[in-house]
Amino acid sequence: MLGFEDTSIAFVYIANIVAVTVCVIYGIINWNKGADTEAEEIAEELQWEKEEAELDKDL
């Protein structure tokens, strides 16, 4: 099969191609998903910094 002496080697090559294909598809689907919550994360960080500044004043 494809010039391989053992069929398990062919299965490994096929599994490698399938894994690469799945990873590429996953990457395309999730390309910019992190940017959706970026504004919320920045607002949370600003609130946290304000609270930290108030706590530092109290000390």
C-alpha atoms as a PDB file:
ATOM      1  CA  MET A   1       0.000   0.000   0.000  1.00  0.00           C
ATOM      2  CA  LEU A   2       1.672   3.206  -1.225  1.00  0.00           C
ATOM      3  CA  GLY A   3       5.053   1.475  -1.163  1.00  0.00           C
ATOM      4  CA  PHE A   4       5.056   0.860   2.602  1.00  0.00           C
ATOM      5  CA  GLU A   5       5.978  -2.583   3.861  1.00  0.00           C
ATOM      6  CA  ASP A   6       3.634  -2.326   6.833  1.00  0.00           C
ATOM      7  CA  THR A   7       0.079  -0.942   6.766  1.00  0.00           C
ATOM      8  CA  SER A   8       0.487   0.672  10.180  1.00  0.00           C
ATOM      9  CA  ILE A   9       2.943   3.167   8.674  1.00  0.00           C
ATOM     10  CA  ALA A  10       0.340   4.161   6.098  1.00  0.00           C
ATOM     11  CA  PHE A  11      -2.222   4.638   8.875  1.00  0.00           C
ATOM     12  CA  VAL A  12       0.203   6.903  10.734  1.00  0.00           C
ATOM     13  CA  TYR A  13       0.692   9.077   7.651  1.00  0.00           C
ATOM     14  CA  ILE A  14      -3.064   9.246   7.087  1.00  0.00           C
ATOM     15  CA  ALA A  15      -3.656  10.105  10.762  1.00  0.00           C
ATOM     16  CA  ASN A  16      -1.058  12.861  10.485  1.00  0.00           C
ATOM     17  CA  ILE A  17      -2.808  14.387   7.475  1.00  0.00           C
ATOM     18  CA  VAL A  18      -6.174  14.174   9.247  1.00  0.00           C
ATOM     19  CA  ALA A  19      -4.750  15.811  12.387  1.00  0.00           C
ATOM     20  CA  VAL A  20      -3.232  18.674  10.398  1.00  0.00           C
ATOM     21  CA  THR A  21      -6.519  19.195   8.547  1.00  0.00           C
ATOM     22  CA  VAL A  22      -8.507  19.280  11.798  1.00  0.00           C
ATOM     23  CA  CYS A  23      -6.053  21.753  13.348  1.00  0.00           C
ATOM     24  CA  VAL A  24      -6.214  24.067  10.336  1.00  0.00           C
ATOM     25  CA  ILE A  25     -10.026  24.003  10.326  1.00  0.00           C
ATOM     26  CA  TYR A  26     -10.104  24.682  14.080  1.00  0.00           C
ATOM     27  CA  GLY A  27      -7.711  27.600  13.630  1.00  0.00           C
ATOM     28  CA  ILE A  28      -9.785  29.113  10.831  1.00  0.00           C
ATOM     29  CA  ILE A  29     -12.999  28.842  12.854  1.00  0.00           C
ATOM     30  CA  ASN A  30     -11.485  30.345  16.021  1.00  0.00           C
ATOM     31  CA  TRP A  31      -9.211  32.919  14.357  1.00  0.00           C
ATOM     32  CA  ASN A  32     -10.479  36.089  16.073  1.00  0.00           C
ATOM     33  CA  LYS A  33     -12.618  34.727  18.904  1.00  0.00           C
ATOM     34  CA  GLY A  34     -10.437  36.334  21.572  1.00  0.00           C
ATOM     35  CA  ALA A  35     -11.202  39.847  20.369  1.00  0.00           C
ATOM     36  CA  ASP A  36     -14.899  39.441  21.215  1.00  0.00           C
ATOM     37  CA  THR A  37     -14.340  39.751  24.970  1.00  0.00           C
ATOM     38  CA  GLU A  38     -11.385  42.136  24.891  1.00  0.00           C
ATOM     39  CA  ALA A  39     -13.436  45.247  25.765  1.00  0.00           C
ATOM     40  CA  GLU A  40     -14.989  43.486  28.763  1.00  0.00           C
ATOM     41  CA  GLU A  41     -11.580  42.337  29.977  1.00  0.00           C
ATOM     42  CA  ILE A  42     -10.178  45.866  29.736  1.00  0.00           C
ATOM     43  CA  ALA A  43     -13.133  47.244  31.717  1.00  0.00           C
ATOM     44  CA  GLU A  44     -12.623  44.590  34.404  1.00  0.00           C
ATOM     45  CA  GLU A  45      -8.917  45.416  34.633  1.00  0.00           C
ATOM     46  CA  LEU A  46      -9.649  49.136  34.998  1.00  0.00           C
ATOM     47  CA  GLN A  47     -12.150  48.420  37.775  1.00  0.00           C
ATOM     48  CA  TRP A  48      -9.614  46.178  39.497  1.00  0.00           C
ATOM     49  CA  GLU A  49      -6.939  48.882  39.289  1.00  0.00           C
ATOM     50  CA  LYS A  50      -9.322  51.462  40.803  1.00  0.00           C
ATOM     51  CA  GLU A  51     -10.113  49.114  43.680  1.00  0.00           C
ATOM     52  CA  GLU A  52      -6.401  48.454  44.220  1.00  0.00           C
ATOM     53  CA  ALA A  53      -5.683  52.190  44.302  1.00  0.00           C
ATOM     54  CA  GLU A  54      -8.428  52.705  46.917  1.00  0.00           C
ATOM     55  CA  LEU A  55      -7.054  49.880  49.048  1.00  0.00           C
ATOM     56  CA  ASP A  56      -3.547  51.342  48.842  1.00  0.00           C
ATOM     57  CA  LYS A  57      -4.872  54.717  50.031  1.00  0.00           C
ATOM     58  CA  ASP A  58      -6.478  53.050  53.056  1.00  0.00           C
ATOM     59  CA  LEU A  59      -3.206  51.432  54.059  1.00  0.00           C
END
